[in-house]
C-alpha atoms as a PDB file:
ATOM      1  CA  UNK A   1       0.000   0.000   0.000  1.00  0.00           C
ATOM      2  CA  UNK A   2       1.461   3.361  -1.015  1.00  0.00           C
ATOM      3  CA  UNK A   3       1.645   6.220   1.476  1.00  0.00           C
ATOM      4  CA  UNK A   4       0.757   9.741   0.435  1.00  0.00           C
ATOM      5  CA  UNK A   5       3.650  12.133   1.080  1.00  0.00           C
ATOM      6  CA  UNK A   6       4.797  15.503  -0.277  1.00  0.00           C
ATOM      7  CA  UNK A   7       7.631  15.842  -2.805  1.00  0.00           C
ATOM      8  CA  UNK A   8       9.308  19.231  -2.288  1.00  0.00           C
ATOM      9  CA  UNK A   9      12.618  18.346  -4.011  1.00  0.00           C
ATOM     10  CA  UNK A  10      12.301  17.773  -7.744  1.00  0.00           C
ATOM     11  CA  UNK A  11      14.664  17.365 -10.674  1.00  0.00           C
ATOM     12  CA  UNK A  12      14.711  20.373 -12.998  1.00  0.00           C
ATOM     13  CA  UNK A  13      16.347  20.757 -16.394  1.00  0.00           C
ATOM     14  CA  UNK A  14      18.047  24.151 -16.037  1.00  0.00           C
ATOM     15  CA  UNK A  15      20.621  26.229 -17.878  1.00  0.00           C
ATOM     16  CA  UNK A  16      23.118  24.913 -15.313  1.00  0.00           C
ATOM     17  CA  UNK A  17      22.309  21.276 -16.094  1.00  0.00           C
ATOM     18  CA  UNK A  18      20.016  18.869 -14.267  1.00  0.00           C
ATOM     19  CA  UNK A  19      19.422  20.231 -10.768  1.00  0.00           C
ATOM     20  CA  UNK A  20      17.731  18.965  -7.633  1.00  0.00           C
ATOM     21  CA  UNK A  21      15.693  21.988  -6.513  1.00  0.00           C
ATOM     22  CA  UNK A  22      13.112  22.502  -3.803  1.00  0.00           C
ATOM     23  CA  UNK A  23       9.958  23.711  -5.569  1.00  0.00           C
ATOM     24  CA  UNK A  24       9.059  25.594  -2.357  1.00  0.00           C
ATOM     25  CA  UNK A  25      12.261  27.666  -2.487  1.00  0.00           C
ATOM     26  CA  UNK A  26      10.692  31.074  -2.990  1.00  0.00           C
ATOM     27  CA  UNK A  27       9.326  34.058  -1.155  1.00  0.00           C
ATOM     28  CA  UNK A  28       6.718  36.145  -2.925  1.00  0.00           C
ATOM     29  CA  UNK A  29       7.017  39.890  -2.318  1.00  0.00           C
ATOM     30  CA  UNK A  30       3.699  40.540  -4.043  1.00  0.00           C
ATOM     31  CA  UNK A  31       1.550  38.729  -6.597  1.00  0.00           C
ATOM     32  CA  UNK A  32       4.061  39.295  -9.394  1.00  0.00           C
ATOM     33  CA  UNK A  33       7.461  39.413  -7.703  1.00  0.00           C
ATOM     34  CA  UNK A  34       9.417  36.883  -5.710  1.00  0.00           C
ATOM     35  CA  UNK A  35      12.956  35.794  -4.930  1.00  0.00           C
ATOM     36  CA  UNK A  36      15.018  32.752  -4.003  1.00  0.00           C
ATOM     37  CA  UNK A  37      17.368  30.380  -5.773  1.00  0.00           C
ATOM     38  CA  UNK A  38      14.530  28.038  -6.687  1.00  0.00           C
ATOM     39  CA  UNK A  39      12.329  30.940  -7.734  1.00  0.00           C
ATOM     40  CA  UNK A  40      14.914  32.176 -10.235  1.00  0.00           C
ATOM     41  CA  UNK A  41      15.573  28.719 -11.620  1.00  0.00           C
ATOM     42  CA  UNK A  42      11.893  27.890 -12.117  1.00  0.00           C
ATOM     43  CA  UNK A  43      11.136  31.319 -13.581  1.00  0.00           C
ATOM     44  CA  UNK A  44      14.187  31.785 -15.832  1.00  0.00           C
ATOM     45  CA  UNK A  45      16.011  28.400 -15.823  1.00  0.00           C
ATOM     46  CA  UNK A  46      19.083  30.046 -14.264  1.00  0.00           C
ATOM     47  CA  UNK A  47      20.309  31.644 -11.034  1.00  0.00           C
ATOM     48  CA  UNK A  48      22.212  34.952 -11.094  1.00  0.00           C
ATOM     49  CA  UNK A  49      23.957  34.278 -14.430  1.00  0.00           C
ATOM     50  CA  UNK A  50      25.855  37.586 -14.392  1.00  0.00           C
ATOM     51  CA  UNK A  51      27.309  36.841 -10.957  1.00  0.00           C
ATOM     52  CA  UNK A  52      28.298  33.348 -12.079  1.00  0.00           C
ATOM     53  CA  UNK A  53      29.984  34.752 -15.196  1.00  0.00           C
ATOM     54  CA  UNK A  54      31.849  37.361 -13.147  1.00  0.00           C
ATOM     55  CA  UNK A  55      33.213  34.660 -10.847  1.00  0.00           C
ATOM     56  CA  UNK A  56      34.289  32.539 -13.815  1.00  0.00           C
ATOM     57  CA  UNK A  57      36.135  35.507 -15.318  1.00  0.00           C
ATOM     58  CA  UNK A  58      37.985  36.080 -12.051  1.00  0.00           C
ATOM     59  CA  UNK A  59      38.933  32.409 -11.876  1.00  0.00           C
ATOM     60  CA  UNK A  60      40.241  32.596 -15.437  1.00  0.00           C
ATOM     61  CA  UNK A  61      42.444  35.549 -14.469  1.00  0.00           C
ATOM     62  CA  UNK A  62      43.873  33.622 -11.525  1.00  0.00           C
ATOM     63  CA  UNK A  63      44.785  30.789 -13.857  1.00  0.00           C
ATOM     64  CA  UNK A  64      46.354  33.199 -16.327  1.00  0.00           C
ATOM     65  CA  UNK A  65      48.600  34.784 -13.712  1.00  0.00           C
ATOM     66  CA  UNK A  66      49.145  31.927 -11.244  1.00  0.00           C
ATOM     67  CA  UNK A  67      48.854  28.808 -13.396  1.00  0.00           C
ATOM     68  CA  UNK A  68      46.835  25.610 -13.207  1.00  0.00           C
ATOM     69  CA  UNK A  69      45.704  24.199  -9.891  1.00  0.00           C
ATOM     70  CA  UNK A  70      43.287  27.028  -9.056  1.00  0.00           C
ATOM     71  CA  UNK A  71      41.352  26.435  -5.803  1.00  0.00           C
ATOM     72  CA  UNK A  72      38.028  28.156  -5.103  1.00  0.00           C
ATOM     73  CA  UNK A  73      35.742  28.042  -2.059  1.00  0.00           C
ATOM     74  CA  UNK A  74      31.998  28.489  -2.496  1.00  0.00           C
ATOM     75  CA  UNK A  75      30.954  29.530   1.016  1.00  0.00           C
ATOM     76  CA  UNK A  76      27.182  29.262   1.307  1.00  0.00           C
ATOM     77  CA  UNK A  77      26.872  26.997  -1.705  1.00  0.00           C
ATOM     78  CA  UNK A  78      23.122  26.350  -1.413  1.00  0.00           C
ATOM     79  CA  UNK A  79      22.175  23.741  -4.066  1.00  0.00           C
ATOM     80  CA  UNK A  80      25.408  24.388  -5.937  1.00  0.00           C
ATOM     81  CA  UNK A  81      24.894  26.670  -8.926  1.00  0.00           C
ATOM     82  CA  UNK A  82      28.257  28.402  -8.406  1.00  0.00           C
ATOM     83  CA  UNK A  83      29.950  25.158  -7.383  1.00  0.00           C
ATOM     84  CA  UNK A  84      28.798  23.401 -10.560  1.00  0.00           C
ATOM     85  CA  UNK A  85      29.499  26.264 -12.943  1.00  0.00           C
ATOM     86  CA  UNK A  86      32.961  26.896 -11.512  1.00  0.00           C
ATOM     87  CA  UNK A  87      33.799  23.180 -11.575  1.00  0.00           C
ATOM     88  CA  UNK A  88      32.723  22.815 -15.202  1.00  0.00           C
ATOM     89  CA  UNK A  89      34.552  26.004 -16.147  1.00  0.00           C
ATOM     90  CA  UNK A  90      37.762  24.814 -14.430  1.00  0.00           C
ATOM     91  CA  UNK A  91      37.680  21.237 -15.700  1.00  0.00           C
ATOM     92  CA  UNK A  92      41.291  20.135 -16.033  1.00  0.00           C
ATOM     93  CA  UNK A  93      42.821  23.126 -14.252  1.00  0.00           C
ATOM     94  CA  UNK A  94      41.065  23.862 -10.970  1.00  0.00           C
ATOM     95  CA  UNK A  95      38.835  22.601  -8.188  1.00  0.00           C
ATOM     96  CA  UNK A  96      35.985  23.836  -6.011  1.00  0.00           C
ATOM     97  CA  UNK A  97      35.129  23.313  -2.352  1.00  0.00           C
ATOM     98  CA  UNK A  98      31.425  23.979  -1.717  1.00  0.00           C
ATOM     99  CA  UNK A  99      30.276  24.500   1.869  1.00  0.00           C
ATOM    100  CA  UNK A 100      26.624  24.439   2.992  1.00  0.00           C
ATOM    101  CA  UNK A 101      25.203  24.393   6.529  1.00  0.00           C
ATOM    102  CA  UNK A 102      21.570  23.380   5.970  1.00  0.00           C
ATOM    103  CA  UNK A 103      21.394  19.585   5.968  1.00  0.00           C
ATOM    104  CA  UNK A 104      18.538  19.157   3.479  1.00  0.00           C
ATOM    105  CA  UNK A 105      19.961  21.774   1.135  1.00  0.00           C
ATOM    106  CA  UNK A 106      23.367  20.100   1.428  1.00  0.00           C
ATOM    107  CA  UNK A 107      21.853  16.809   0.227  1.00  0.00           C
ATOM    108  CA  UNK A 108      20.665  18.598  -2.920  1.00  0.00           C
ATOM    109  CA  UNK A 109      24.127  20.180  -3.329  1.00  0.00           C
ATOM    110  CA  UNK A 110      25.867  16.799  -3.114  1.00  0.00           C
ATOM    111  CA  UNK A 111      23.338  15.242  -5.479  1.00  0.00           C
ATOM    112  CA  UNK A 112      23.828  18.010  -8.016  1.00  0.00           C
ATOM    113  CA  UNK A 113      27.602  17.547  -7.955  1.00  0.00           C
ATOM    114  CA  UNK A 114      27.094  13.833  -8.648  1.00  0.00           C
ATOM    115  CA  UNK A 115      24.408  14.369 -11.321  1.00  0.00           C
ATOM    116  CA  UNK A 116      26.641  16.761 -13.218  1.00  0.00           C
ATOM    117  CA  UNK A 117      29.781  14.636 -12.874  1.00  0.00           C
ATOM    118  CA  UNK A 118      31.822  17.419 -11.319  1.00  0.00           C
ATOM    119  CA  UNK A 119      34.758  15.324 -10.167  1.00  0.00           C
ATOM    120  CA  UNK A 120      36.771  18.451  -9.359  1.00  0.00           C
ATOM    121  CA  UNK A 121      34.235  19.582  -6.756  1.00  0.00           C
ATOM    122  CA  UNK A 122      34.169  18.605  -3.086  1.00  0.00           C
ATOM    123  CA  UNK A 123      31.264  19.557  -0.822  1.00  0.00           C
ATOM    124  CA  UNK A 124      31.157  19.860   2.961  1.00  0.00           C
ATOM    125  CA  UNK A 125      28.184  19.927   5.323  1.00  0.00           C
ATOM    126  CA  UNK A 126      29.303  22.675   7.705  1.00  0.00           C
ATOM    127  CA  UNK A 127      28.972  26.318   8.684  1.00  0.00           C
ATOM    128  CA  UNK A 128      31.874  28.718   8.131  1.00  0.00           C
ATOM    129  CA  UNK A 129      32.913  30.772  11.142  1.00  0.00           C
ATOM    130  CA  UNK A 130      35.735  32.364  13.099  1.00  0.00           C
ATOM    131  CA  UNK A 131      36.600  29.229  15.055  1.00  0.00           C
ATOM    132  CA  UNK A 132      36.065  25.493  14.877  1.00  0.00           C
ATOM    133  CA  UNK A 133      33.354  23.814  16.897  1.00  0.00           C
ATOM    134  CA  UNK A 134      29.618  23.456  16.465  1.00  0.00           C
ATOM    135  CA  UNK A 135      26.657  25.736  15.894  1.00  0.00           C
ATOM    136  CA  UNK A 136      22.958  25.322  16.652  1.00  0.00           C
ATOM    137  CA  UNK A 137      21.013  26.442  13.599  1.00  0.00           C
ATOM    138  CA  UNK A 138      17.269  26.707  12.913  1.00  0.00           C
ATOM    139  CA  UNK A 139      15.438  24.153  10.803  1.00  0.00           C
ATOM    140  CA  UNK A 140      12.918  25.692   8.405  1.00  0.00           C
ATOM    141  CA  UNK A 141       9.969  23.724   7.088  1.00  0.00           C
ATOM    142  CA  UNK A 142      11.110  22.631   3.638  1.00  0.00           C
ATOM    143  CA  UNK A 143       7.540  21.594   2.806  1.00  0.00           C
ATOM    144  CA  UNK A 144       6.381  25.230   2.916  1.00  0.00           C
ATOM    145  CA  UNK A 145       7.448  28.203   0.761  1.00  0.00           C
ATOM    146  CA  UNK A 146      10.487  30.203   1.863  1.00  0.00           C
ATOM    147  CA  UNK A 147      13.712  31.547   0.401  1.00  0.00           C
ATOM    148  CA  UNK A 148      15.894  28.934   2.070  1.00  0.00           C
ATOM    149  CA  UNK A 149      19.119  30.535   0.873  1.00  0.00           C
ATOM    150  CA  UNK A 150      18.153  33.662   2.837  1.00  0.00           C
ATOM    151  CA  UNK A 151      18.005  31.779   6.150  1.00  0.00           C
ATOM    152  CA  UNK A 152      20.221  33.361   8.807  1.00  0.00           C
ATOM    153  CA  UNK A 153      21.922  30.780  11.000  1.00  0.00           C
ATOM    154  CA  UNK A 154      22.184  33.142  13.956  1.00  0.00           C
ATOM    155  CA  UNK A 155      19.274  34.950  15.573  1.00  0.00           C
ATOM    156  CA  UNK A 156      19.570  38.713  15.738  1.00  0.00           C
ATOM    157  CA  UNK A 157      17.338  41.746  15.978  1.00  0.00           C
ATOM    158  CA  UNK A 158      15.728  42.171  12.574  1.00  0.00           C
ATOM    159  CA  UNK A 159      16.226  38.711  11.064  1.00  0.00           C
ATOM    160  CA  UNK A 160      14.911  38.719   7.510  1.00  0.00           C
ATOM    161  CA  UNK A 161      11.445  37.242   7.021  1.00  0.00           C
ATOM    162  CA  UNK A 162      12.126  34.567   4.414  1.00  0.00           C
ATOM    163  CA  UNK A 163       8.522  33.524   3.818  1.00  0.00           C
ATOM    164  CA  UNK A 164       7.849  31.611   7.013  1.00  0.00           C
ATOM    165  CA  UNK A 165       8.431  32.199  10.722  1.00  0.00           C
ATOM    166  CA  UNK A 166      11.716  30.698  11.941  1.00  0.00           C
ATOM    167  CA  UNK A 167      12.088  29.182  15.404  1.00  0.00           C
ATOM    168  CA  UNK A 168      15.602  29.718  16.774  1.00  0.00           C
ATOM    169  CA  UNK A 169      15.009  27.575  19.873  1.00  0.00           C
ATOM    170  CA  UNK A 170      17.945  25.113  19.930  1.00  0.00           C
ATOM    171  CA  UNK A 171      15.649  22.167  20.654  1.00  0.00           C
ATOM    172  CA  UNK A 172      13.786  22.890  17.415  1.00  0.00           C
ATOM    173  CA  UNK A 173      16.935  23.159  15.290  1.00  0.00           C
ATOM    174  CA  UNK A 174      20.003  21.183  14.314  1.00  0.00           C
ATOM    175  CA  UNK A 175      23.608  21.192  15.460  1.00  0.00           C
ATOM    176  CA  UNK A 176      26.059  21.563  12.609  1.00  0.00           C
ATOM    177  CA  UNK A 177      29.833  21.430  12.527  1.00  0.00           C
ATOM    178  CA  UNK A 178      31.499  24.850  12.355  1.00  0.00           C
ATOM    179  CA  UNK A 179      34.753  25.038  10.435  1.00  0.00           C
ATOM    180  CA  UNK A 180      37.204  27.723   9.384  1.00  0.00           C
ATOM    181  CA  UNK A 181      38.867  28.328   6.042  1.00  0.00           C
ATOM    182  CA  UNK A 182      42.229  28.230   7.827  1.00  0.00           C
ATOM    183  CA  UNK A 183      41.337  24.824   9.267  1.00  0.00           C
ATOM    184  CA  UNK A 184      41.071  23.357   5.766  1.00  0.00           C
ATOM    185  CA  UNK A 185      44.876  23.576   5.551  1.00  0.00           C
ATOM    186  CA  UNK A 186      44.909  24.473   1.873  1.00  0.00           C
ATOM    187  CA  UNK A 187      48.254  24.753   0.107  1.00  0.00           C
ATOM    188  CA  UNK A 188      46.644  27.178  -2.339  1.00  0.00           C
ATOM    189  CA  UNK A 189      43.549  29.392  -2.335  1.00  0.00           C
ATOM    190  CA  UNK A 190      42.685  31.583  -5.307  1.00  0.00           C
ATOM    191  CA  UNK A 191      39.058  32.560  -4.803  1.00  0.00           C
ATOM    192  CA  UNK A 192      36.791  32.863  -1.775  1.00  0.00           C
ATOM    193  CA  UNK A 193      33.045  33.460  -2.076  1.00  0.00           C
ATOM    194  CA  UNK A 194      31.125  34.242   1.112  1.00  0.00           C
ATOM    195  CA  UNK A 195      27.350  34.405   0.876  1.00  0.00           C
ATOM    196  CA  UNK A 196      26.458  33.295   4.394  1.00  0.00           C
ATOM    197  CA  UNK A 197      23.708  35.633   5.520  1.00  0.00           C
ATOM    198  CA  UNK A 198      25.463  37.966   7.929  1.00  0.00           C
ATOM    199  CA  UNK A 199      28.324  35.693   9.038  1.00  0.00           C
ATOM    200  CA  UNK A 200      30.755  36.983   6.411  1.00  0.00           C
ATOM    201  CA  UNK A 201      33.035  38.852   8.836  1.00  0.00           C
ATOM    202  CA  UNK A 202      33.132  35.835  11.171  1.00  0.00           C
ATOM    203  CA  UNK A 203      34.220  33.657   8.278  1.00  0.00           C
ATOM    204  CA  UNK A 204      36.827  36.240   7.265  1.00  0.00           C
ATOM    205  CA  UNK A 205      38.291  36.116  10.771  1.00  0.00           C
ATOM    206  CA  UNK A 206      38.574  32.349  10.435  1.00  0.00           C
ATOM    207  CA  UNK A 207      40.302  32.788   7.078  1.00  0.00           C
ATOM    208  CA  UNK A 208      42.877  35.474   7.951  1.00  0.00           C
ATOM    209  CA  UNK A 209      45.932  33.229   7.817  1.00  0.00           C
ATOM    210  CA  UNK A 210      44.855  31.861   4.437  1.00  0.00           C
ATOM    211  CA  UNK A 211      44.158  35.383   3.193  1.00  0.00           C
ATOM    212  CA  UNK A 212      47.564  36.622   4.334  1.00  0.00           C
ATOM    213  CA  UNK A 213      49.336  33.620   2.810  1.00  0.00           C
ATOM    214  CA  UNK A 214      47.452  33.141  -0.469  1.00  0.00           C
ATOM    215  CA  UNK A 215      45.855  36.565  -1.129  1.00  0.00           C
ATOM    216  CA  UNK A 216      42.769  35.109  -2.844  1.00  0.00           C
ATOM    217  CA  UNK A 217      40.295  37.144  -4.810  1.00  0.00           C
ATOM    218  CA  UNK A 218      37.019  37.411  -2.903  1.00  0.00           C
ATOM    219  CA  UNK A 219      33.333  37.826  -3.662  1.00  0.00           C
ATOM    220  CA  UNK A 220      31.450  38.759  -0.493  1.00  0.00           C
ATOM    221  CA  UNK A 221      27.756  39.510  -0.029  1.00  0.00           C
ATOM    222  CA  UNK A 222      27.241  42.682   2.012  1.00  0.00           C
ATOM    223  CA  UNK A 223      23.489  43.111   2.541  1.00  0.00           C
ATOM    224  CA  UNK A 224      23.414  41.533   6.026  1.00  0.00           C
ATOM    225  CA  UNK A 225      26.910  42.268   7.249  1.00  0.00           C
ATOM    226  CA  UNK A 226      28.627  45.389   8.621  1.00  0.00           C
ATOM    227  CA  UNK A 227      29.850  46.649   5.256  1.00  0.00           C
ATOM    228  CA  UNK A 228      32.109  49.453   6.614  1.00  0.00           C
ATOM    229  CA  UNK A 229      33.776  47.002   9.024  1.00  0.00           C
ATOM    230  CA  UNK A 230      34.235  44.519   6.183  1.00  0.00           C
ATOM    231  CA  UNK A 231      35.876  47.158   4.000  1.00  0.00           C
ATOM    232  CA  UNK A 232      38.213  48.156   6.832  1.00  0.00           C
ATOM    233  CA  UNK A 233      39.218  44.542   7.354  1.00  0.00           C
ATOM    234  CA  UNK A 234      39.970  44.135   3.662  1.00  0.00           C
ATOM    235  CA  UNK A 235      41.962  47.366   3.509  1.00  0.00           C
ATOM    236  CA  UNK A 236      44.014  46.297   6.535  1.00  0.00           C
ATOM    237  CA  UNK A 237      45.053  43.239   4.543  1.00  0.00           C
ATOM    238  CA  UNK A 238      46.038  45.284   1.474  1.00  0.00           C
ATOM    239  CA  UNK A 239      42.921  44.705  -0.632  1.00  0.00           C
ATOM    240  CA  UNK A 240      41.214  46.911  -3.174  1.00  0.00           C
ATOM    241  CA  UNK A 241      37.447  46.448  -3.202  1.00  0.00           C
ATOM    242  CA  UNK A 242      34.612  47.247  -5.583  1.00  0.00           C
ATOM    243  CA  UNK A 243      30.892  47.188  -4.863  1.00  0.00           C
ATOM    244  CA  UNK A 244      28.844  45.430  -7.529  1.00  0.00           C
ATOM    245  CA  UNK A 245      25.193  45.067  -6.668  1.00  0.00           C
ATOM    246  CA  UNK A 246      24.845  43.344  -3.302  1.00  0.00           C
ATOM    247  CA  UNK A 247      28.398  41.973  -3.462  1.00  0.00           C
ATOM    248  CA  UNK A 248      31.889  43.252  -2.851  1.00  0.00           C
ATOM    249  CA  UNK A 249      34.750  42.113  -5.075  1.00  0.00           C
ATOM    250  CA  UNK A 250      38.100  42.250  -3.300  1.00  0.00           C
ATOM    251  CA  UNK A 251      41.471  41.880  -5.035  1.00  0.00           C
ATOM    252  CA  UNK A 252      44.847  42.220  -3.341  1.00  0.00           C
ATOM    253  CA  UNK A 253      47.073  45.106  -4.374  1.00  0.00           C
ATOM    254  CA  UNK A 254      49.794  42.657  -5.445  1.00  0.00           C
ATOM    255  CA  UNK A 255      47.479  40.561  -7.635  1.00  0.00           C
ATOM    256  CA  UNK A 256      48.373  41.308 -11.304  1.00  0.00           C
ATOM    257  CA  UNK A 257      44.770  40.647 -12.325  1.00  0.00           C
ATOM    258  CA  UNK A 258      43.727  43.856 -10.514  1.00  0.00           C
ATOM    259  CA  UNK A 259      44.518  45.945 -13.582  1.00  0.00           C
ATOM    260  CA  UNK A 260      42.279  43.741 -15.738  1.00  0.00           C
ATOM    261  CA  UNK A 261      39.169  43.858 -13.575  1.00  0.00           C
ATOM    262  CA  UNK A 262      36.309  46.061 -14.714  1.00  0.00           C
ATOM    263  CA  UNK A 263      33.285  46.424 -12.452  1.00  0.00           C
ATOM    264  CA  UNK A 264      30.093  48.064 -13.643  1.00  0.00           C
END
């Protein structure tokens, strides 16, 4: 006897390839406008294509000036659009480490890496922070509409409403491993993306030794973080930075690709 049950995660044929996507991954602002990774994919077949292209161009510059073996971190990978596109773009000359904290979203990320045969991508179920340990994070209802990529792992005054009320009581959430970029012990790091809903500066603090040693290019979302403090931190480490939409591109003063970067 079959049991009736909902099917939130479905397989979609997108511009990025076959993707496991939660069909509830959206928040409607009004009757005609919404947002979310799933929302964009189901409406347009792609997620932030200009941002993906910009990242690929930066990765290409790192290869041009620093050679094969490019290493990129996709912090806040969600279901893996950036992870997949970077991995395909860098086939034969680079690799990607995708990091996602939400367990159910991570399963989709790992499945998408496998479906698209991205053998140069590794994915980790973890949160990025300033120190290693563990973090209690909320568990949204994946059977109901919400922009799951907008979920903030930490409770604060003014948490974004993502489409459903979020309970930050530890007993109602999950405990996830917290890691640092420095703790990965990478012998090379060329590119660091941080889209982690307000924890960007924390993750930067846990990446300082890697930043000092490898001077990676960075793409950092700024809408939920202390943008002036982030800029000061980057400047202290010798970085030039450029605002582009909701993101900051940061390139070290000694990086020869700096002269080739054009930001509109």
